[in-house]
Amino acid sequence: MTDKELKKLKRIELIEILYYLKKENEELKAENDLLKDKLFSLADEAIELKKKQTAMNEDTAPEPAESASEDKKIND
Protein backbone atom coordinates (compact mmCIF):
# COMPACT_ATOMS: atom_id res chain seq x y z
CA MET A 1 0.00 0.00 0.00
CA THR A 2 1.16 3.45 -0.78
CA ASP A 3 1.21 6.32 1.69
CA LYS A 4 -1.67 7.93 -0.15
CA GLU A 5 -3.80 4.80 0.17
CA LEU A 6 -2.96 4.50 3.88
CA LYS A 7 -4.00 8.10 4.50
CA LYS A 8 -7.42 7.38 3.03
CA LEU A 9 -8.09 4.48 5.41
CA LYS A 10 -10.21 4.95 8.49
CA ARG A 11 -8.74 4.61 11.95
CA ILE A 12 -10.39 1.23 12.60
CA GLU A 13 -8.98 -0.14 9.32
CA LEU A 14 -5.50 1.01 10.28
CA ILE A 15 -5.83 -0.62 13.71
CA GLU A 16 -6.96 -3.85 12.06
CA ILE A 17 -3.97 -3.80 9.72
CA LEU A 18 -1.63 -3.20 12.66
CA TYR A 19 -3.23 -6.07 14.58
CA TYR A 20 -2.74 -8.56 11.75
CA LEU A 21 0.80 -7.37 11.05
CA LYS A 22 1.69 -7.75 14.73
CA LYS A 23 0.14 -11.23 14.81
CA GLU A 24 2.08 -12.25 11.68
CA ASN A 25 5.28 -10.82 13.16
CA GLU A 26 4.83 -12.87 16.35
CA GLU A 27 4.21 -16.05 14.33
CA LEU A 28 7.33 -15.43 12.25
CA LYS A 29 9.41 -14.81 15.38
CA ALA A 30 8.17 -18.10 16.86
CA GLU A 31 9.04 -19.93 13.63
CA ASN A 32 12.44 -18.24 13.55
CA ASP A 33 13.15 -19.35 17.14
CA LEU A 34 12.15 -22.92 16.28
CA LEU A 35 14.41 -22.95 13.23
CA LYS A 36 17.31 -21.51 15.26
CA ASP A 37 16.89 -24.27 17.83
CA LYS A 38 16.94 -26.89 15.07
CA LEU A 39 20.01 -25.30 13.51
CA PHE A 40 21.95 -25.27 16.77
CA SER A 41 20.89 -28.83 17.50
CA LEU A 42 22.12 -29.99 14.09
CA ALA A 43 25.35 -28.04 14.50
CA ASP A 44 25.97 -29.70 17.88
CA GLU A 45 25.30 -33.13 16.37
CA ALA A 46 27.70 -32.39 13.51
CA ILE A 47 30.42 -31.36 15.95
CA GLU A 48 29.93 -34.54 18.00
CA LEU A 49 30.04 -36.71 14.86
CA LYS A 50 33.22 -34.97 13.71
CA LYS A 51 34.82 -35.60 17.11
CA LYS A 52 33.85 -39.28 16.97
CA GLN A 53 35.14 -39.59 13.41
CA THR A 54 38.43 -37.95 14.36
CA ALA A 55 38.79 -40.24 17.37
CA MET A 56 38.07 -43.32 15.24
CA ASN A 57 40.59 -42.22 12.61
CA GLU A 58 43.25 -41.67 15.27
CA ASP A 59 42.59 -45.11 16.76
CA THR A 60 42.84 -46.93 13.42
CA ALA A 61 45.62 -44.91 11.80
CA PRO A 62 49.07 -46.55 11.96
CA GLU A 63 51.82 -44.71 13.73
CA PRO A 64 54.27 -43.00 11.34
CA ALA A 65 57.25 -44.80 12.91
CA GLU A 66 55.58 -48.19 12.43
CA SER A 67 54.87 -47.37 8.81
CA ALA A 68 58.52 -46.45 8.16
CA SER A 69 59.69 -49.69 9.82
CA GLU A 70 57.36 -51.77 7.69
CA ASP A 71 58.55 -50.03 4.51
CA LYS A 72 62.15 -50.74 5.43
CA LYS A 73 61.40 -54.44 6.04
CA ILE A 74 59.64 -54.71 2.68
CA ASN A 75 62.53 -53.07 0.83
CA ASP A 76 65.15 -55.32 2.46
C-alpha atoms as a PDB file:
ATOM      1  CA  MET A   1       0.000   0.000   0.000  1.00  0.00           C
ATOM      2  CA  THR A   2       1.158   3.449  -0.781  1.00  0.00           C
ATOM      3  CA  ASP A   3       1.209   6.320   1.692  1.00  0.00           C
ATOM      4  CA  LYS A   4      -1.675   7.930  -0.151  1.00  0.00           C
ATOM      5  CA  GLU A   5      -3.797   4.798   0.175  1.00  0.00           C
ATOM      6  CA  LEU A   6      -2.962   4.496   3.877  1.00  0.00           C
ATOM      7  CA  LYS A   7      -3.997   8.102   4.496  1.00  0.00           C
ATOM      8  CA  LYS A   8      -7.420   7.376   3.027  1.00  0.00           C
ATOM      9  CA  LEU A   9      -8.089   4.484   5.410  1.00  0.00           C
ATOM     10  CA  LYS A  10     -10.207   4.945   8.494  1.00  0.00           C
ATOM     11  CA  ARG A  11      -8.741   4.612  11.952  1.00  0.00           C
ATOM     12  CA  ILE A  12     -10.393   1.231  12.598  1.00  0.00           C
ATOM     13  CA  GLU A  13      -8.977  -0.139   9.317  1.00  0.00           C
ATOM     14  CA  LEU A  14      -5.499   1.006  10.285  1.00  0.00           C
ATOM     15  CA  ILE A  15      -5.827  -0.620  13.712  1.00  0.00           C
ATOM     16  CA  GLU A  16      -6.962  -3.849  12.057  1.00  0.00           C
ATOM     17  CA  ILE A  17      -3.968  -3.800   9.716  1.00  0.00           C
ATOM     18  CA  LEU A  18      -1.632  -3.199  12.661  1.00  0.00           C
ATOM     19  CA  TYR A  19      -3.231  -6.072  14.577  1.00  0.00           C
ATOM     20  CA  TYR A  20      -2.735  -8.562  11.748  1.00  0.00           C
ATOM     21  CA  LEU A  21       0.801  -7.370  11.049  1.00  0.00           C
ATOM     22  CA  LYS A  22       1.694  -7.751  14.731  1.00  0.00           C
ATOM     23  CA  LYS A  23       0.141 -11.226  14.806  1.00  0.00           C
ATOM     24  CA  GLU A  24       2.076 -12.246  11.684  1.00  0.00           C
ATOM     25  CA  ASN A  25       5.278 -10.817  13.159  1.00  0.00           C
ATOM     26  CA  GLU A  26       4.835 -12.866  16.349  1.00  0.00           C
ATOM     27  CA  GLU A  27       4.215 -16.051  14.331  1.00  0.00           C
ATOM     28  CA  LEU A  28       7.330 -15.426  12.248  1.00  0.00           C
ATOM     29  CA  LYS A  29       9.407 -14.813  15.382  1.00  0.00           C
ATOM     30  CA  ALA A  30       8.170 -18.100  16.859  1.00  0.00           C
ATOM     31  CA  GLU A  31       9.036 -19.931  13.625  1.00  0.00           C
ATOM     32  CA  ASN A  32      12.439 -18.243  13.555  1.00  0.00           C
ATOM     33  CA  ASP A  33      13.155 -19.351  17.135  1.00  0.00           C
ATOM     34  CA  LEU A  34      12.150 -22.915  16.275  1.00  0.00           C
ATOM     35  CA  LEU A  35      14.414 -22.954  13.231  1.00  0.00           C
ATOM     36  CA  LYS A  36      17.315 -21.510  15.260  1.00  0.00           C
ATOM     37  CA  ASP A  37      16.890 -24.273  17.833  1.00  0.00           C
ATOM     38  CA  LYS A  38      16.938 -26.894  15.074  1.00  0.00           C
ATOM     39  CA  LEU A  39      20.005 -25.302  13.506  1.00  0.00           C
ATOM     40  CA  PHE A  40      21.954 -25.265  16.768  1.00  0.00           C
ATOM     41  CA  SER A  41      20.893 -28.827  17.498  1.00  0.00           C
ATOM     42  CA  LEU A  42      22.121 -29.993  14.087  1.00  0.00           C
ATOM     43  CA  ALA A  43      25.354 -28.038  14.504  1.00  0.00           C
ATOM     44  CA  ASP A  44      25.965 -29.700  17.876  1.00  0.00           C
ATOM     45  CA  GLU A  45      25.302 -33.127  16.366  1.00  0.00           C
ATOM     46  CA  ALA A  46      27.698 -32.393  13.508  1.00  0.00           C
ATOM     47  CA  ILE A  47      30.420 -31.361  15.952  1.00  0.00           C
ATOM     48  CA  GLU A  48      29.930 -34.538  17.998  1.00  0.00           C
ATOM     49  CA  LEU A  49      30.040 -36.707  14.863  1.00  0.00           C
ATOM     50  CA  LYS A  50      33.219 -34.967  13.713  1.00  0.00           C
ATOM     51  CA  LYS A  51      34.818 -35.596  17.114  1.00  0.00           C
ATOM     52  CA  LYS A  52      33.847 -39.280  16.966  1.00  0.00           C
ATOM     53  CA  GLN A  53      35.138 -39.587  13.410  1.00  0.00           C
ATOM     54  CA  THR A  54      38.426 -37.947  14.356  1.00  0.00           C
ATOM     55  CA  ALA A  55      38.793 -40.244  17.372  1.00  0.00           C
ATOM     56  CA  MET A  56      38.067 -43.318  15.244  1.00  0.00           C
ATOM     57  CA  ASN A  57      40.595 -42.222  12.611  1.00  0.00           C
ATOM     58  CA  GLU A  58      43.250 -41.670  15.273  1.00  0.00           C
ATOM     59  CA  ASP A  59      42.591 -45.110  16.764  1.00  0.00           C
ATOM     60  CA  THR A  60      42.838 -46.929  13.421  1.00  0.00           C
ATOM     61  CA  ALA A  61      45.624 -44.905  11.802  1.00  0.00           C
ATOM     62  CA  PRO A  62      49.066 -46.546  11.956  1.00  0.00           C
ATOM     63  CA  GLU A  63      51.819 -44.709  13.730  1.00  0.00           C
ATOM     64  CA  PRO A  64      54.267 -42.996  11.341  1.00  0.00           C
ATOM     65  CA  ALA A  65      57.245 -44.800  12.912  1.00  0.00           C
ATOM     66  CA  GLU A  66      55.582 -48.187  12.426  1.00  0.00           C
ATOM     67  CA  SER A  67      54.875 -47.374   8.813  1.00  0.00           C
ATOM     68  CA  ALA A  68      58.517 -46.451   8.158  1.00  0.00           C
ATOM     69  CA  SER A  69      59.694 -49.692   9.818  1.00  0.00           C
ATOM     70  CA  GLU A  70      57.362 -51.775   7.694  1.00  0.00           C
ATOM     71  CA  ASP A  71      58.553 -50.034   4.511  1.00  0.00           C
ATOM     72  CA  LYS A  72      62.151 -50.738   5.427  1.00  0.00           C
ATOM     73  CA  LYS A  73      61.397 -54.439   6.038  1.00  0.00           C
ATOM     74  CA  ILE A  74      59.642 -54.710   2.680  1.00  0.00           C
ATOM     75  CA  ASN A  75      62.528 -53.066   0.828  1.00  0.00           C
ATOM     76  CA  ASP A  76      65.149 -55.316   2.462  1.00  0.00           C
END
